[in-house]
Each structure stands twice: as structure tokens, then as C-alpha cells.
Amino acid sequence: MIPSPCHRSGSTKDGQRAQTRPCPRPGCGREVPICRYRYETLRQIGLPLFRVARYVEWCGHGQELIPVPDEGGWVRMVPVIGTAK
């Protein structure tokens, strides 16, 4: 399922609540929205596709995601889980 675009409030443009997932930080347990972005938006801010992007989730914990192209000019943010050996 493709996540909806969402605003800082955690809701989509049409006022629906965005899908959520638990924060990846062990012990946090807070829900964070799953957002997707237009490719053009990420290009304008200099975020390349298929490279690890680091940012702070709404709960205050760091998160690593990889922007992956999706249908219709959208980009899906795929969480990085675990470490490479």
C-alpha cells in the first residue's frame, strides 16, 4: 500500500489521518506518520534517490530512510532496518 502525502499535523491533504508505524527506537513506542513526497519536491531540496537520508522523526528520534521512486511521480521513503555486514 502506498502511503498518502501528509502534513506536519500527521493528516493528509483531504483531512484523513495518515498511516502510521511505530518509532524504530527501542522503547519509544510512539506512532509516526508514513509520508510520501513528490519527486520534484525532493529534487528541489537536493535529496537524491536511492541514498540514505537521515532526519529526526516527530517523536524526536533519528531515522534513516531511502527514497525510492513510486508510481505517478511520487517517492516512497523506505526505512533502513538493521546494519549491513
Protein backbone atom coordinates (compact mmCIF):
# COMPACT_ATOMS: atom_id res chain seq x y z
CA MET A 1 0.00 0.00 0.00
CA ILE A 2 1.28 3.46 -0.89
CA PRO A 3 1.28 5.94 1.99
CA SER A 4 -0.54 9.22 1.50
CA PRO A 5 1.24 12.56 1.37
CA CYS A 6 0.94 14.14 4.79
CA HIS A 7 1.36 17.45 6.53
CA ARG A 8 3.23 18.21 9.73
CA SER A 9 -0.02 17.59 11.63
CA GLY A 10 0.04 13.93 10.54
CA SER A 11 -3.02 14.28 8.34
CA THR A 12 -3.35 14.04 4.57
CA LYS A 13 -4.42 16.89 2.29
CA ASP A 14 -8.05 15.76 2.47
CA GLY A 15 -8.04 15.74 6.29
CA GLN A 16 -7.72 11.96 6.72
CA ARG A 17 -5.28 10.63 9.32
CA ALA A 18 -2.09 9.36 7.66
CA GLN A 19 -1.00 5.74 8.11
CA THR A 20 1.46 5.31 10.97
CA ARG A 21 4.17 2.93 12.12
CA PRO A 22 5.96 2.64 15.46
CA CYS A 23 9.13 4.65 16.02
CA PRO A 24 12.15 2.43 15.29
CA ARG A 25 13.88 3.44 18.54
CA PRO A 26 13.53 0.56 21.04
CA GLY A 27 11.32 1.53 23.94
CA CYS A 28 9.79 4.63 22.32
CA GLY A 29 6.57 3.10 21.00
CA ARG A 30 5.20 6.40 19.64
CA GLU A 31 3.45 6.29 16.29
CA VAL A 32 4.96 8.31 13.44
CA PRO A 33 3.14 9.04 10.16
CA ILE A 34 4.20 7.29 6.95
CA CYS A 35 4.55 10.03 4.37
CA ARG A 36 5.34 10.11 0.69
CA TYR A 37 6.63 13.02 -1.34
CA ARG A 38 6.61 14.25 -4.91
CA TYR A 39 9.89 13.54 -6.72
CA GLU A 40 10.07 17.18 -7.77
CA THR A 41 9.98 18.32 -4.13
CA LEU A 42 12.86 16.05 -3.12
CA ARG A 43 14.87 17.08 -6.18
CA GLN A 44 14.44 20.76 -5.28
CA ILE A 45 15.81 20.23 -1.77
CA GLY A 46 18.71 18.13 -3.10
CA LEU A 47 17.70 14.73 -1.75
CA PRO A 48 18.90 12.08 -4.23
CA LEU A 49 17.06 8.83 -4.84
CA PHE A 50 18.49 5.54 -3.51
CA ARG A 51 20.76 7.26 -0.96
CA VAL A 52 20.29 7.05 2.79
CA ALA A 53 18.54 10.15 4.13
CA ARG A 54 18.78 10.91 7.83
CA TYR A 55 16.27 13.02 9.72
CA VAL A 56 14.56 13.33 13.09
CA GLU A 57 11.08 11.80 13.48
CA TRP A 58 8.28 13.73 15.16
CA CYS A 59 8.94 11.90 18.43
CA GLY A 60 12.50 13.32 18.47
CA HIS A 61 14.40 10.14 17.50
CA GLY A 62 16.67 9.85 14.47
CA GLN A 63 15.54 7.82 11.46
CA GLU A 64 17.26 6.62 8.30
CA LEU A 65 15.23 6.20 5.11
CA ILE A 66 15.98 5.53 1.46
CA PRO A 67 13.91 7.48 -1.10
CA VAL A 68 12.64 5.04 -3.76
CA PRO A 69 10.60 6.07 -6.83
CA ASP A 70 6.95 5.07 -6.82
CA GLU A 71 4.23 5.40 -9.43
CA GLY A 72 2.94 8.74 -10.71
CA GLY A 73 5.97 10.87 -9.81
CA TRP A 74 5.83 10.04 -6.11
CA VAL A 75 8.70 8.87 -3.90
CA ARG A 76 8.25 6.31 -1.12
CA MET A 77 10.53 6.57 1.93
CA VAL A 78 11.72 3.05 2.84
CA PRO A 79 13.09 2.65 6.40
CA VAL A 80 16.60 1.28 6.85
CA ILE A 81 16.38 -1.69 9.22
CA GLY A 82 19.43 -3.17 10.91
CA THR A 83 23.02 -2.83 9.71
CA ALA A 84 24.97 -4.23 6.78
CA LYS A 85 27.78 -6.70 7.47
